[in-house]
Amino acid sequence: MRARTLVLGLLALPCAALAATHEVTIEGMKFQPAVVTVHQGDKVVWRNKDMVPHTVTAARRFDSREIAAGGSWTWTARGRGRHDYVCTYHPGMTGAVVVQ
């Protein structure tokens, strides 16, 4: 039984090693890229290069709260699907994360 547990544990390692980090730039009052496709376990980092604060808010999924000018915020993708988000300070700024 112990050998089986070890094998199952080792099989899980490559999945963790495959996790990637994706970057979304907030600049010029928009998210770039506007849509990013990731896998479960991947991280998405939003970097605010504007001179004003922004948020990254997807209803009932995630909320960065205020990201100051020059700041960043990281989220780990968990559930599959498309997660549309908006800057609550600037509702014309929209984006989406597609989790596969």
PDB file of N, CA and C in Angstrom:
ATOM      1  N   MET A   1       0.823  -1.185   0.000  1.00  0.00           N
ATOM      2  CA  MET A   1       0.000   0.000   0.000  1.00  0.00           C
ATOM      3  C   MET A   1       0.870   1.253   0.000  1.00  0.00           C
ATOM      4  N   ARG A   2       1.965   1.213   0.722  1.00  0.00           N
ATOM      5  CA  ARG A   2       2.847   2.372   0.810  1.00  0.00           C
ATOM      6  C   ARG A   2       3.471   2.697  -0.553  1.00  0.00           C
ATOM      7  N   ALA A   3       3.864   1.676  -1.309  1.00  0.00           N
ATOM      8  CA  ALA A   3       4.440   1.879  -2.638  1.00  0.00           C
ATOM      9  C   ALA A   3       3.412   2.511  -3.566  1.00  0.00           C
ATOM     10  N   ARG A   4       2.169   2.100  -3.451  1.00  0.00           N
ATOM     11  CA  ARG A   4       1.099   2.670  -4.281  1.00  0.00           C
ATOM     12  C   ARG A   4       0.915   4.152  -3.960  1.00  0.00           C
ATOM     13  N   THR A   5       0.938   4.495  -2.704  1.00  0.00           N
ATOM     14  CA  THR A   5       0.804   5.893  -2.290  1.00  0.00           C
ATOM     15  C   THR A   5       1.964   6.720  -2.838  1.00  0.00           C
ATOM     16  N   LEU A   6       3.162   6.166  -2.797  1.00  0.00           N
ATOM     17  CA  LEU A   6       4.336   6.854  -3.317  1.00  0.00           C
ATOM     18  C   LEU A   6       4.201   7.086  -4.820  1.00  0.00           C
ATOM     19  N   VAL A   7       3.760   6.072  -5.548  1.00  0.00           N
ATOM     20  CA  VAL A   7       3.596   6.203  -7.000  1.00  0.00           C
ATOM     21  C   VAL A   7       2.544   7.253  -7.314  1.00  0.00           C
ATOM     22  N   LEU A   8       1.430   7.222  -6.629  1.00  0.00           N
ATOM     23  CA  LEU A   8       0.378   8.215  -6.867  1.00  0.00           C
ATOM     24  C   LEU A   8       0.876   9.620  -6.552  1.00  0.00           C
ATOM     25  N   GLY A   9       1.654   9.747  -5.520  1.00  0.00           N
ATOM     26  CA  GLY A   9       2.225  11.048  -5.171  1.00  0.00           C
ATOM     27  C   GLY A   9       3.177  11.551  -6.236  1.00  0.00           C
ATOM     28  N   LEU A  10       3.990  10.653  -6.764  1.00  0.00           N
ATOM     29  CA  LEU A  10       4.933  11.038  -7.814  1.00  0.00           C
ATOM     30  C   LEU A  10       4.215  11.413  -9.102  1.00  0.00           C
ATOM     31  N   LEU A  11       3.110  10.762  -9.392  1.00  0.00           N
ATOM     32  CA  LEU A  11       2.335  11.104 -10.587  1.00  0.00           C
ATOM     33  C   LEU A  11       1.771  12.516 -10.495  1.00  0.00           C
ATOM     34  N   ALA A  12       1.516  12.996  -9.307  1.00  0.00           N
ATOM     35  CA  ALA A  12       0.962  14.336  -9.131  1.00  0.00           C
ATOM     36  C   ALA A  12       2.016  15.421  -9.329  1.00  0.00           C
ATOM     37  N   LEU A  13       3.279  15.092  -9.190  1.00  0.00           N
ATOM     38  CA  LEU A  13       4.338  16.097  -9.297  1.00  0.00           C
ATOM     39  C   LEU A  13       4.394  16.814 -10.638  1.00  0.00           C
ATOM     40  N   PRO A  14       4.328  16.129 -11.768  1.00  0.00           N
ATOM     41  CA  PRO A  14       4.405  16.849 -13.036  1.00  0.00           C
ATOM     42  C   PRO A  14       3.311  17.887 -13.197  1.00  0.00           C
ATOM     43  N   CYS A  15       2.129  17.641 -12.673  1.00  0.00           N
ATOM     44  CA  CYS A  15       1.041  18.612 -12.781  1.00  0.00           C
ATOM     45  C   CYS A  15       1.417  19.912 -12.086  1.00  0.00           C
ATOM     46  N   ALA A  16       1.989  19.808 -10.917  1.00  0.00           N
ATOM     47  CA  ALA A  16       2.385  21.005 -10.188  1.00  0.00           C
ATOM     48  C   ALA A  16       3.508  21.725 -10.922  1.00  0.00           C
ATOM     49  N   ALA A  17       4.410  20.974 -11.507  1.00  0.00           N
ATOM     50  CA  ALA A  17       5.537  21.580 -12.205  1.00  0.00           C
ATOM     51  C   ALA A  17       5.095  22.283 -13.478  1.00  0.00           C
ATOM     52  N   LEU A  18       3.955  21.893 -14.038  1.00  0.00           N
ATOM     53  CA  LEU A  18       3.480  22.485 -15.273  1.00  0.00           C
ATOM     54  C   LEU A  18       2.747  23.801 -15.061  1.00  0.00           C
ATOM     55  N   ALA A  19       2.444  24.169 -13.838  1.00  0.00           N
ATOM     56  CA  ALA A  19       1.740  25.427 -13.576  1.00  0.00           C
ATOM     57  C   ALA A  19       2.563  26.588 -14.120  1.00  0.00           C
ATOM     58  N   ALA A  20       1.871  27.502 -14.775  1.00  0.00           N
ATOM     59  CA  ALA A  20       2.534  28.646 -15.404  1.00  0.00           C
ATOM     60  C   ALA A  20       2.051  29.940 -14.777  1.00  0.00           C
ATOM     61  N   THR A  21       2.786  31.002 -15.039  1.00  0.00           N
ATOM     62  CA  THR A  21       2.386  32.333 -14.609  1.00  0.00           C
ATOM     63  C   THR A  21       2.154  33.175 -15.861  1.00  0.00           C
ATOM     64  N   HIS A  22       0.998  33.811 -15.910  1.00  0.00           N
ATOM     65  CA  HIS A  22       0.603  34.657 -17.039  1.00  0.00           C
ATOM     66  C   HIS A  22       0.506  36.097 -16.550  1.00  0.00           C
ATOM     67  N   GLU A  23       0.877  37.034 -17.384  1.00  0.00           N
ATOM     68  CA  GLU A  23       0.860  38.434 -16.979  1.00  0.00           C
ATOM     69  C   GLU A  23      -0.130  39.235 -17.815  1.00  0.00           C
ATOM     70  N   VAL A  24      -0.921  40.052 -17.130  1.00  0.00           N
ATOM     71  CA  VAL A  24      -1.817  40.999 -17.772  1.00  0.00           C
ATOM     72  C   VAL A  24      -1.349  42.384 -17.347  1.00  0.00           C
ATOM     73  N   THR A  25      -1.085  43.236 -18.327  1.00  0.00           N
ATOM     74  CA  THR A  25      -0.637  44.595 -18.048  1.00  0.00           C
ATOM     75  C   THR A  25      -1.837  45.526 -18.032  1.00  0.00           C
ATOM     76  N   ILE A  26      -1.885  46.368 -17.033  1.00  0.00           N
ATOM     77  CA  ILE A  26      -2.908  47.412 -16.967  1.00  0.00           C
ATOM     78  C   ILE A  26      -2.203  48.699 -17.360  1.00  0.00           C
ATOM     79  N   GLU A  27      -2.527  49.186 -18.548  1.00  0.00           N
ATOM     80  CA  GLU A  27      -1.844  50.369 -19.058  1.00  0.00           C
ATOM     81  C   GLU A  27      -2.728  51.032 -20.099  1.00  0.00           C
ATOM     82  N   GLY A  28      -2.747  52.361 -20.102  1.00  0.00           N
ATOM     83  CA  GLY A  28      -3.577  53.082 -21.060  1.00  0.00           C
ATOM     84  C   GLY A  28      -5.054  52.854 -20.809  1.00  0.00           C
ATOM     85  N   MET A  29      -5.406  52.615 -19.557  1.00  0.00           N
ATOM     86  CA  MET A  29      -6.785  52.387 -19.141  1.00  0.00           C
ATOM     87  C   MET A  29      -7.398  51.150 -19.811  1.00  0.00           C
ATOM     88  N   LYS A  30      -6.577  50.105 -19.997  1.00  0.00           N
ATOM     89  CA  LYS A  30      -7.096  48.830 -20.504  1.00  0.00           C
ATOM     90  C   LYS A  30      -6.232  47.679 -20.016  1.00  0.00           C
ATOM     91  N   PHE A  31      -6.820  46.489 -20.081  1.00  0.00           N
ATOM     92  CA  PHE A  31      -6.126  45.248 -19.727  1.00  0.00           C
ATOM     93  C   PHE A  31      -5.541  44.658 -21.002  1.00  0.00           C
ATOM     94  N   GLN A  32      -4.258  44.303 -20.958  1.00  0.00           N
ATOM     95  CA  GLN A  32      -3.588  43.742 -22.128  1.00  0.00           C
ATOM     96  C   GLN A  32      -2.843  42.469 -21.743  1.00  0.00           C
ATOM     97  N   PRO A  33      -3.164  41.310 -22.261  1.00  0.00           N
ATOM     98  CA  PRO A  33      -4.239  41.084 -23.214  1.00  0.00           C
ATOM     99  C   PRO A  33      -5.598  41.153 -22.524  1.00  0.00           C
ATOM    100  N   ALA A  34      -6.627  41.445 -23.309  1.00  0.00           N
ATOM    101  CA  ALA A  34      -7.980  41.559 -22.761  1.00  0.00           C
ATOM    102  C   ALA A  34      -8.522  40.197 -22.338  1.00  0.00           C
ATOM    103  N   VAL A  35      -8.117  39.149 -23.043  1.00  0.00           N
ATOM    104  CA  VAL A  35      -8.530  37.782 -22.697  1.00  0.00           C
ATOM    105  C   VAL A  35      -7.275  36.934 -22.584  1.00  0.00           C
ATOM    106  N   VAL A  36      -7.164  36.217 -21.477  1.00  0.00           N
ATOM    107  CA  VAL A  36      -6.022  35.329 -21.267  1.00  0.00           C
ATOM    108  C   VAL A  36      -6.566  33.926 -20.982  1.00  0.00           C
ATOM    109  N   THR A  37      -5.980  32.923 -21.633  1.00  0.00           N
ATOM    110  CA  THR A  37      -6.395  31.537 -21.441  1.00  0.00           C
ATOM    111  C   THR A  37      -5.327  30.827 -20.616  1.00  0.00           C
ATOM    112  N   VAL A  38      -5.780  30.175 -19.540  1.00  0.00           N
ATOM    113  CA  VAL A  38      -4.868  29.528 -18.596  1.00  0.00           C
ATOM    114  C   VAL A  38      -5.397  28.137 -18.261  1.00  0.00           C
ATOM    115  N   HIS A  39      -4.603  27.389 -17.507  1.00  0.00           N
ATOM    116  CA  HIS A  39      -5.021  26.076 -17.003  1.00  0.00           C
ATOM    117  C   HIS A  39      -5.231  26.175 -15.495  1.00  0.00           C
ATOM    118  N   GLN A  40      -6.000  25.240 -14.964  1.00  0.00           N
ATOM    119  CA  GLN A  40      -6.205  25.207 -13.523  1.00  0.00           C
ATOM    120  C   GLN A  40      -4.847  25.095 -12.832  1.00  0.00           C
ATOM    121  N   GLY A  41      -4.644  25.884 -11.800  1.00  0.00           N
ATOM    122  CA  GLY A  41      -3.375  25.890 -11.078  1.00  0.00           C
ATOM    123  C   GLY A  41      -2.417  26.967 -11.549  1.00  0.00           C
ATOM    124  N   ASP A  42      -2.649  27.508 -12.750  1.00  0.00           N
ATOM    125  CA  ASP A  42      -1.809  28.605 -13.234  1.00  0.00           C
ATOM    126  C   ASP A  42      -2.088  29.869 -12.431  1.00  0.00           C
ATOM    127  N   LYS A  43      -1.121  30.757 -12.425  1.00  0.00           N
ATOM    128  CA  LYS A  43      -1.278  32.055 -11.765  1.00  0.00           C
ATOM    129  C   LYS A  43      -1.403  33.138 -12.832  1.00  0.00           C
ATOM    130  N   VAL A  44      -2.211  34.141 -12.522  1.00  0.00           N
ATOM    131  CA  VAL A  44      -2.326  35.320 -13.377  1.00  0.00           C
ATOM    132  C   VAL A  44      -1.913  36.512 -12.526  1.00  0.00           C
ATOM    133  N   VAL A  45      -0.981  37.304 -13.055  1.00  0.00           N
ATOM    134  CA  VAL A  45      -0.508  38.498 -12.366  1.00  0.00           C
ATOM    135  C   VAL A  45      -0.947  39.708 -13.175  1.00  0.00           C
ATOM    136  N   TRP A  46      -1.660  40.618 -12.528  1.00  0.00           N
ATOM    137  CA  TRP A  46      -2.023  41.885 -13.150  1.00  0.00           C
ATOM    138  C   TRP A  46      -1.058  42.943 -12.635  1.00  0.00           C
ATOM    139  N   ARG A  47      -0.386  43.663 -13.543  1.00  0.00           N
ATOM    140  CA  ARG A  47       0.573  44.714 -13.183  1.00  0.00           C
ATOM    141  C   ARG A  47       0.023  46.057 -13.631  1.00  0.00           C
ATOM    142  N   ASN A  48      -0.153  46.949 -12.669  1.00  0.00           N
ATOM    143  CA  ASN A  48      -0.723  48.262 -12.954  1.00  0.00           C
ATOM    144  C   ASN A  48       0.382  49.242 -13.346  1.00  0.00           C
ATOM    145  N   LYS A  49       0.463  49.559 -14.628  1.00  0.00           N
ATOM    146  CA  LYS A  49       1.454  50.516 -15.121  1.00  0.00           C
ATOM    147  C   LYS A  49       0.837  51.895 -15.364  1.00  0.00           C
ATOM    148  N   ASP A  50      -0.441  52.054 -15.005  1.00  0.00           N
ATOM    149  CA  ASP A  50      -1.089  53.361 -15.097  1.00  0.00           C
ATOM    150  C   ASP A  50      -0.731  54.209 -13.885  1.00  0.00           C
ATOM    151  N   MET A  51      -1.062  55.476 -13.964  1.00  0.00           N
ATOM    152  CA  MET A  51      -0.773  56.406 -12.869  1.00  0.00           C
ATOM    153  C   MET A  51      -1.907  56.472 -11.850  1.00  0.00           C
ATOM    154  N   VAL A  52      -2.965  55.692 -12.063  1.00  0.00           N
ATOM    155  CA  VAL A  52      -4.123  55.681 -11.166  1.00  0.00           C
ATOM    156  C   VAL A  52      -4.390  54.249 -10.715  1.00  0.00           C
ATOM    157  N   PRO A  53      -5.080  54.081  -9.580  1.00  0.00           N
ATOM    158  CA  PRO A  53      -5.396  52.729  -9.113  1.00  0.00           C
ATOM    159  C   PRO A  53      -6.495  52.076  -9.958  1.00  0.00           C
ATOM    160  N   HIS A  54      -6.516  50.746  -9.938  1.00  0.00           N
ATOM    161  CA  HIS A  54      -7.524  49.953 -10.637  1.00  0.00           C
ATOM    162  C   HIS A  54      -7.897  48.765  -9.764  1.00  0.00           C
ATOM    163  N   THR A  55      -8.968  48.065 -10.180  1.00  0.00           N
ATOM    164  CA  THR A  55      -9.308  46.785  -9.561  1.00  0.00           C
ATOM    165  C   THR A  55      -9.447  45.744 -10.666  1.00  0.00           C
ATOM    166  N   VAL A  56      -9.408  44.491 -10.256  1.00  0.00           N
ATOM    167  CA  VAL A  56      -9.691  43.352 -11.131  1.00  0.00           C
ATOM    168  C   VAL A  56     -10.774  42.580 -10.392  1.00  0.00           C
ATOM    169  N   THR A  57     -12.023  42.726 -10.864  1.00  0.00           N
ATOM    170  CA  THR A  57     -13.155  42.206 -10.112  1.00  0.00           C
ATOM    171  C   THR A  57     -14.062  41.365 -11.003  1.00  0.00           C
ATOM    172  N   ALA A  58     -14.207  40.093 -10.655  1.00  0.00           N
ATOM    173  CA  ALA A  58     -15.135  39.177 -11.330  1.00  0.00           C
ATOM    174  C   ALA A  58     -16.166  38.753 -10.294  1.00  0.00           C
ATOM    175  N   ALA A  59     -17.410  39.084 -10.544  1.00  0.00           N
ATOM    176  CA  ALA A  59     -18.487  38.816  -9.585  1.00  0.00           C
ATOM    177  C   ALA A  59     -18.454  37.367  -9.096  1.00  0.00           C
ATOM    178  N   ARG A  60     -18.430  37.208  -7.793  1.00  0.00           N
ATOM    179  CA  ARG A  60     -18.450  35.907  -7.112  1.00  0.00           C
ATOM    180  C   ARG A  60     -17.271  35.003  -7.444  1.00  0.00           C
ATOM    181  N   ARG A  61     -16.214  35.534  -8.073  1.00  0.00           N
ATOM    182  CA  ARG A  61     -15.033  34.720  -8.406  1.00  0.00           C
ATOM    183  C   ARG A  61     -13.769  35.262  -7.736  1.00  0.00           C
ATOM    184  N   PHE A  62     -13.465  36.548  -8.010  1.00  0.00           N
ATOM    185  CA  PHE A  62     -12.277  37.140  -7.397  1.00  0.00           C
ATOM    186  C   PHE A  62     -12.404  38.658  -7.381  1.00  0.00           C
ATOM    187  N   ASP A  63     -11.664  39.267  -6.474  1.00  0.00           N
ATOM    188  CA  ASP A  63     -11.647  40.732  -6.349  1.00  0.00           C
ATOM    189  C   ASP A  63     -10.291  41.148  -5.798  1.00  0.00           C
ATOM    190  N   SER A  64      -9.557  41.884  -6.603  1.00  0.00           N
ATOM    191  CA  SER A  64      -8.219  42.314  -6.200  1.00  0.00           C
ATOM    192  C   SER A  64      -8.251  43.413  -5.152  1.00  0.00           C
ATOM    193  N   ARG A  65      -9.375  44.074  -5.043  1.00  0.00           N
ATOM    194  CA  ARG A  65      -9.458  45.344  -4.313  1.00  0.00           C
ATOM    195  C   ARG A  65      -8.552  46.325  -5.044  1.00  0.00           C
ATOM    196  N   GLU A  66      -8.165  47.379  -4.430  1.00  0.00           N
ATOM    197  CA  GLU A  66      -7.390  48.411  -5.134  1.00  0.00           C
ATOM    198  C   GLU A  66      -5.955  47.968  -5.424  1.00  0.00           C
ATOM    199  N   ILE A  67      -5.572  48.085  -6.693  1.00  0.00           N
ATOM    200  CA  ILE A  67      -4.183  47.857  -7.098  1.00  0.00           C
ATOM    201  C   ILE A  67      -3.601  49.246  -7.372  1.00  0.00           C
ATOM    202  N   ALA A  68      -2.714  49.683  -6.528  1.00  0.00           N
ATOM    203  CA  ALA A  68      -2.127  51.030  -6.651  1.00  0.00           C
ATOM    204  C   ALA A  68      -1.279  51.135  -7.915  1.00  0.00           C
ATOM    205  N   ALA A  69      -1.057  52.369  -8.353  1.00  0.00           N
ATOM    206  CA  ALA A  69      -0.155  52.618  -9.482  1.00  0.00           C
ATOM    207  C   ALA A  69       1.193  51.969  -9.166  1.00  0.00           C
ATOM    208  N   GLY A  70       1.714  51.195 -10.107  1.00  0.00           N
ATOM    209  CA  GLY A  70       2.983  50.503  -9.894  1.00  0.00           C
ATOM    210  C   GLY A  70       2.858  49.189  -9.149  1.00  0.00           C
ATOM    211  N   GLY A  71       1.656  48.859  -8.690  1.00  0.00           N
ATOM    212  CA  GLY A  71       1.450  47.628  -7.926  1.00  0.00           C
ATOM    213  C   GLY A  71       1.021  46.463  -8.795  1.00  0.00           C
ATOM    214  N   SER A  72       0.823  45.320  -8.150  1.00  0.00           N
ATOM    215  CA  SER A  72       0.378  44.127  -8.861  1.00  0.00           C
ATOM    216  C   SER A  72      -0.502  43.300  -7.938  1.00  0.00           C
ATOM    217  N   TRP A  73      -1.197  42.340  -8.550  1.00  0.00           N
ATOM    218  CA  TRP A  73      -2.051  41.413  -7.805  1.00  0.00           C
ATOM    219  C   TRP A  73      -2.018  40.076  -8.520  1.00  0.00           C
ATOM    220  N   THR A  74      -1.967  38.983  -7.755  1.00  0.00           N
ATOM    221  CA  THR A  74      -1.875  37.633  -8.318  1.00  0.00           C
ATOM    222  C   THR A  74      -3.068  36.795  -7.889  1.00  0.00           C
ATOM    223  N   TRP A  75      -3.582  36.010  -8.844  1.00  0.00           N
ATOM    224  CA  TRP A  75      -4.711  35.108  -8.605  1.00  0.00           C
ATOM    225  C   TRP A  75      -4.355  33.738  -9.175  1.00  0.00           C
ATOM    226  N   THR A  76      -4.724  32.682  -8.456  1.00  0.00           N
ATOM    227  CA  THR A  76      -4.505  31.316  -8.924  1.00  0.00           C
ATOM    228  C   THR A  76      -5.816  30.766  -9.470  1.00  0.00           C
ATOM    229  N   ALA A  77      -5.786  30.292 -10.712  1.00  0.00           N
ATOM    230  CA  ALA A  77      -6.975  29.767 -11.385  1.00  0.00           C
ATOM    231  C   ALA A  77      -7.399  28.444 -10.762  1.00  0.00           C
ATOM    232  N   ARG A  78      -8.639  28.349 -10.379  1.00  0.00           N
ATOM    233  CA  ARG A  78      -9.152  27.128  -9.746  1.00  0.00           C
ATOM    234  C   ARG A  78     -10.244  26.473 -10.591  1.00  0.00           C
ATOM    235  N   GLY A  79     -11.364  27.150 -10.795  1.00  0.00           N
ATOM    236  CA  GLY A  79     -12.492  26.545 -11.497  1.00  0.00           C
ATOM    237  C   GLY A  79     -12.457  26.805 -12.993  1.00  0.00           C
ATOM    238  N   ARG A  80     -12.864  25.818 -13.752  1.00  0.00           N
ATOM    239  CA  ARG A  80     -12.897  25.965 -15.215  1.00  0.00           C
ATOM    240  C   ARG A  80     -13.988  26.943 -15.622  1.00  0.00           C
ATOM    241  N   GLY A  81     -13.810  27.514 -16.810  1.00  0.00           N
ATOM    242  CA  GLY A  81     -14.824  28.392 -17.361  1.00  0.00           C
ATOM    243  C   GLY A  81     -14.261  29.765 -17.685  1.00  0.00           C
ATOM    244  N   ARG A  82     -15.137  30.621 -18.170  1.00  0.00           N
ATOM    245  CA  ARG A  82     -14.763  31.995 -18.522  1.00  0.00           C
ATOM    246  C   ARG A  82     -15.157  32.902 -17.370  1.00  0.00           C
ATOM    247  N   HIS A  83     -14.202  33.698 -16.914  1.00  0.00           N
ATOM    248  CA  HIS A  83     -14.435  34.616 -15.805  1.00  0.00           C
ATOM    249  C   HIS A  83     -14.227  36.044 -16.316  1.00  0.00           C
ATOM    250  N   ASP A  84     -15.331  36.713 -16.631  1.00  0.00           N
ATOM    251  CA  ASP A  84     -15.261  38.098 -17.088  1.00  0.00           C
ATOM    252  C   ASP A  84     -15.009  38.995 -15.887  1.00  0.00           C
ATOM    253  N   TYR A  85     -14.168  40.007 -16.069  1.00  0.00           N
ATOM    254  CA  TYR A  85     -13.865  40.917 -14.969  1.00  0.00           C
ATOM    255  C   TYR A  85     -13.887  42.366 -15.446  1.00  0.00           C
ATOM    256  N   VAL A  86     -13.889  43.263 -14.472  1.00  0.00           N
ATOM    257  CA  VAL A  86     -13.992  44.690 -14.744  1.00  0.00           C
ATOM    258  C   VAL A  86     -13.180  45.448 -13.696  1.00  0.00           C
ATOM    259  N   CYS A  87     -12.767  46.649 -14.042  1.00  0.00           N
ATOM    260  CA  CYS A  87     -12.218  47.562 -13.038  1.00  0.00           C
ATOM    261  C   CYS A  87     -13.411  48.320 -12.463  1.00  0.00           C
ATOM    262  N   THR A  88     -13.655  48.173 -11.183  1.00  0.00           N
ATOM    263  CA  THR A  88     -14.835  48.813 -10.595  1.00  0.00           C
ATOM    264  C   THR A  88     -14.718  50.340 -10.592  1.00  0.00           C
ATOM    265  N   TYR A  89     -13.519  50.872 -10.675  1.00  0.00           N
ATOM    266  CA  TYR A  89     -13.330  52.322 -10.743  1.00  0.00           C
ATOM    267  C   TYR A  89     -13.580  52.849 -12.156  1.00  0.00           C
ATOM    268  N   HIS A  90     -13.339  52.011 -13.148  1.00  0.00           N
ATOM    269  CA  HIS A  90     -13.438  52.408 -14.561  1.00  0.00           C
ATOM    270  C   HIS A  90     -14.187  51.300 -15.305  1.00  0.00           C
ATOM    271  N   PRO A  91     -15.521  51.287 -15.253  1.00  0.00           N
ATOM    272  CA  PRO A  91     -16.317  50.176 -15.793  1.00  0.00           C
ATOM    273  C   PRO A  91     -16.131  49.896 -17.282  1.00  0.00           C
ATOM    274  N   GLY A  92     -15.521  50.818 -18.015  1.00  0.00           N
ATOM    275  CA  GLY A  92     -15.231  50.575 -19.422  1.00  0.00           C
ATOM    276  C   GLY A  92     -14.034  49.647 -19.619  1.00  0.00           C
ATOM    277  N   MET A  93     -13.295  49.408 -18.558  1.00  0.00           N
ATOM    278  CA  MET A  93     -12.137  48.500 -18.600  1.00  0.00           C
ATOM    279  C   MET A  93     -12.617  47.096 -18.272  1.00  0.00           C
ATOM    280  N   THR A  94     -12.576  46.216 -19.272  1.00  0.00           N
ATOM    281  CA  THR A  94     -13.045  44.848 -19.046  1.00  0.00           C
ATOM    282  C   THR A  94     -12.017  43.853 -19.584  1.00  0.00           C
ATOM    283  N   GLY A  95     -12.082  42.649 -19.073  1.00  0.00           N
ATOM    284  CA  GLY A  95     -11.220  41.581 -19.517  1.00  0.00           C
ATOM    285  C   GLY A  95     -11.826  40.244 -19.141  1.00  0.00           C
ATOM    286  N   ALA A  96     -11.128  39.170 -19.460  1.00  0.00           N
ATOM    287  CA  ALA A  96     -11.620  37.833 -19.122  1.00  0.00           C
ATOM    288  C   ALA A  96     -10.444  36.875 -18.958  1.00  0.00           C
ATOM    289  N   VAL A  97     -10.651  35.931 -18.056  1.00  0.00           N
ATOM    290  CA  VAL A  97      -9.731  34.803 -17.896  1.00  0.00           C
ATOM    291  C   VAL A  97     -10.522  33.550 -18.256  1.00  0.00           C
ATOM    292  N   VAL A  98      -9.976  32.779 -19.189  1.00  0.00           N
ATOM    293  CA  VAL A  98     -10.597  31.511 -19.567  1.00  0.00           C
ATOM    294  C   VAL A  98      -9.745  30.407 -18.947  1.00  0.00           C
ATOM    295  N   VAL A  99     -10.344  29.634 -18.054  1.00  0.00           N
ATOM    296  CA  VAL A  99      -9.619  28.565 -17.366  1.00  0.00           C
ATOM    297  C   VAL A  99     -10.017  27.234 -17.985  1.00  0.00           C
ATOM    298  N   GLN A 100      -9.018  26.513 -18.514  1.00  0.00           N
ATOM    299  CA  GLN A 100      -9.266  25.210 -19.163  1.00  0.00           C
ATOM    300  C   GLN A 100      -8.982  24.081 -18.209  1.00  0.00           C
TER     301      GLN A 100
END
